[in-house]
Amino acid sequence: MADGYIVYQGLANQSSKYFTAHMHSALDTNKGRRFANPADIFMKKLSLSYPKTEEDERTVNKLVSLYKDYQAQAVKSEAREFTVPPLDAEKSRNMACFSI
């Protein structure tokens, strides 16, 4: 999370790859830190000091936008995997209809 917004949700072992790919090394956990814990680097880079600066706002907005795009692509990809079979007219006559 950054400033209360979700900026990554997924497997921990994929987080470094995600941030490196999407932030163009801004959060690269391997840069000069051979034995660093990625979670520590993320917390340092994603935490903000208040009052926020314009740079903080731009960074948060970029992270949120990237995450929304990433999630939209994942949902579309997953939706393509599912198909709904056509409704059989004969069987549908025996189905109960209701509304709430």
Protein backbone atom coordinates (compact mmCIF):
# COMPACT_ATOMS: atom_id res chain seq x y z
CA MET A 1 0.00 0.00 0.00
CA ALA A 2 1.04 3.56 -0.64
CA ASP A 3 -0.90 6.45 0.90
CA GLY A 4 -3.80 4.08 1.58
CA TYR A 5 -3.98 2.73 -1.97
CA ILE A 6 -3.24 -0.83 -3.01
CA VAL A 7 -0.29 -0.80 -5.39
CA TYR A 8 0.47 -4.53 -5.48
CA GLN A 9 -1.42 -7.68 -4.64
CA GLY A 10 0.04 -11.01 -5.47
CA LEU A 11 2.66 -13.56 -4.61
CA ALA A 12 5.53 -12.31 -2.49
CA ASN A 13 8.10 -13.99 -4.71
CA GLN A 14 6.74 -12.06 -7.73
CA SER A 15 6.71 -8.61 -6.08
CA SER A 16 10.30 -7.69 -7.00
CA LYS A 17 9.67 -8.64 -10.62
CA TYR A 18 6.42 -6.60 -10.71
CA PHE A 19 7.94 -3.42 -9.27
CA THR A 20 11.11 -3.70 -11.32
CA ALA A 21 9.09 -4.09 -14.53
CA HIS A 22 6.58 -1.36 -13.76
CA MET A 23 8.67 1.23 -11.98
CA HIS A 24 11.72 1.04 -14.25
CA SER A 25 14.09 0.21 -11.41
CA ALA A 26 12.66 2.78 -9.00
CA LEU A 27 11.95 -0.09 -6.65
CA ASP A 28 14.53 -2.52 -7.99
CA THR A 29 15.35 -4.67 -4.99
CA ASN A 30 18.54 -6.03 -6.54
CA LYS A 31 20.19 -2.69 -7.26
CA GLY A 32 23.31 -2.64 -5.07
CA ARG A 33 21.64 -4.62 -2.31
CA ARG A 34 22.74 -8.19 -2.66
CA PHE A 35 21.37 -9.32 0.71
CA ALA A 36 18.54 -6.83 1.19
CA ASN A 37 15.03 -7.90 2.14
CA PRO A 38 12.64 -6.78 -0.64
CA ALA A 39 9.91 -6.00 1.91
CA ASP A 40 12.21 -3.51 3.66
CA ILE A 41 13.00 -1.79 0.37
CA PHE A 42 9.31 -1.61 -0.58
CA MET A 43 8.36 -0.12 2.77
CA LYS A 44 11.09 2.50 2.51
CA LYS A 45 10.23 3.45 -1.08
CA LEU A 46 6.43 3.34 -0.68
CA SER A 47 6.18 5.21 2.61
CA LEU A 48 5.47 8.92 2.47
CA SER A 49 6.33 11.80 4.73
CA TYR A 50 3.64 14.31 5.49
CA PRO A 51 2.90 16.85 4.28
CA LYS A 52 3.21 15.15 0.89
CA THR A 53 5.15 16.78 -1.88
CA GLU A 54 4.08 17.00 -5.52
CA GLU A 55 6.64 14.28 -6.26
CA ASP A 56 4.96 12.02 -3.68
CA GLU A 57 1.58 12.64 -5.35
CA ARG A 58 2.97 11.83 -8.79
CA THR A 59 4.58 8.63 -7.52
CA VAL A 60 1.42 7.43 -5.76
CA ASN A 61 -0.76 8.30 -8.76
CA LYS A 62 1.61 6.42 -11.08
CA LEU A 63 1.67 3.35 -8.82
CA VAL A 64 -2.13 3.32 -8.48
CA SER A 65 -2.62 3.76 -12.23
CA LEU A 66 -0.15 0.97 -13.04
CA TYR A 67 -1.85 -1.35 -10.55
CA LYS A 68 -5.32 -0.64 -11.98
CA ASP A 69 -4.06 -1.33 -15.51
CA TYR A 70 -2.32 -4.50 -14.33
CA GLN A 71 -5.49 -5.71 -12.59
CA ALA A 72 -7.70 -4.87 -15.60
CA GLN A 73 -5.45 -6.91 -17.88
CA ALA A 74 -5.45 -9.82 -15.41
CA VAL A 75 -9.27 -9.79 -15.17
CA LYS A 76 -9.67 -9.66 -18.96
CA SER A 77 -7.20 -12.50 -19.36
CA GLU A 78 -8.99 -14.59 -16.76
CA ALA A 79 -12.42 -13.81 -18.24
CA ARG A 80 -11.30 -15.18 -21.63
CA GLU A 81 -10.72 -18.53 -19.98
CA PHE A 82 -14.38 -18.91 -19.02
CA THR A 83 -17.27 -19.58 -21.33
CA VAL A 84 -20.93 -19.82 -20.46
CA PRO A 85 -22.79 -22.52 -22.34
CA PRO A 86 -25.87 -21.41 -24.25
CA LEU A 87 -29.13 -21.80 -22.37
CA ASP A 88 -31.20 -24.80 -23.45
CA ALA A 89 -34.70 -23.46 -24.18
CA GLU A 90 -36.36 -26.71 -23.14
CA LYS A 91 -34.63 -26.76 -19.76
CA SER A 92 -35.20 -23.07 -19.17
CA ARG A 93 -38.99 -23.54 -19.16
CA ASN A 94 -38.66 -25.66 -16.05
CA MET A 95 -36.53 -23.11 -14.22
CA ALA A 96 -38.07 -20.97 -11.53
CA CYS A 97 -37.83 -17.22 -12.07
CA PHE A 98 -37.55 -14.86 -9.15
CA SER A 99 -36.43 -11.37 -8.38
CA ILE A 100 -35.27 -9.68 -5.24
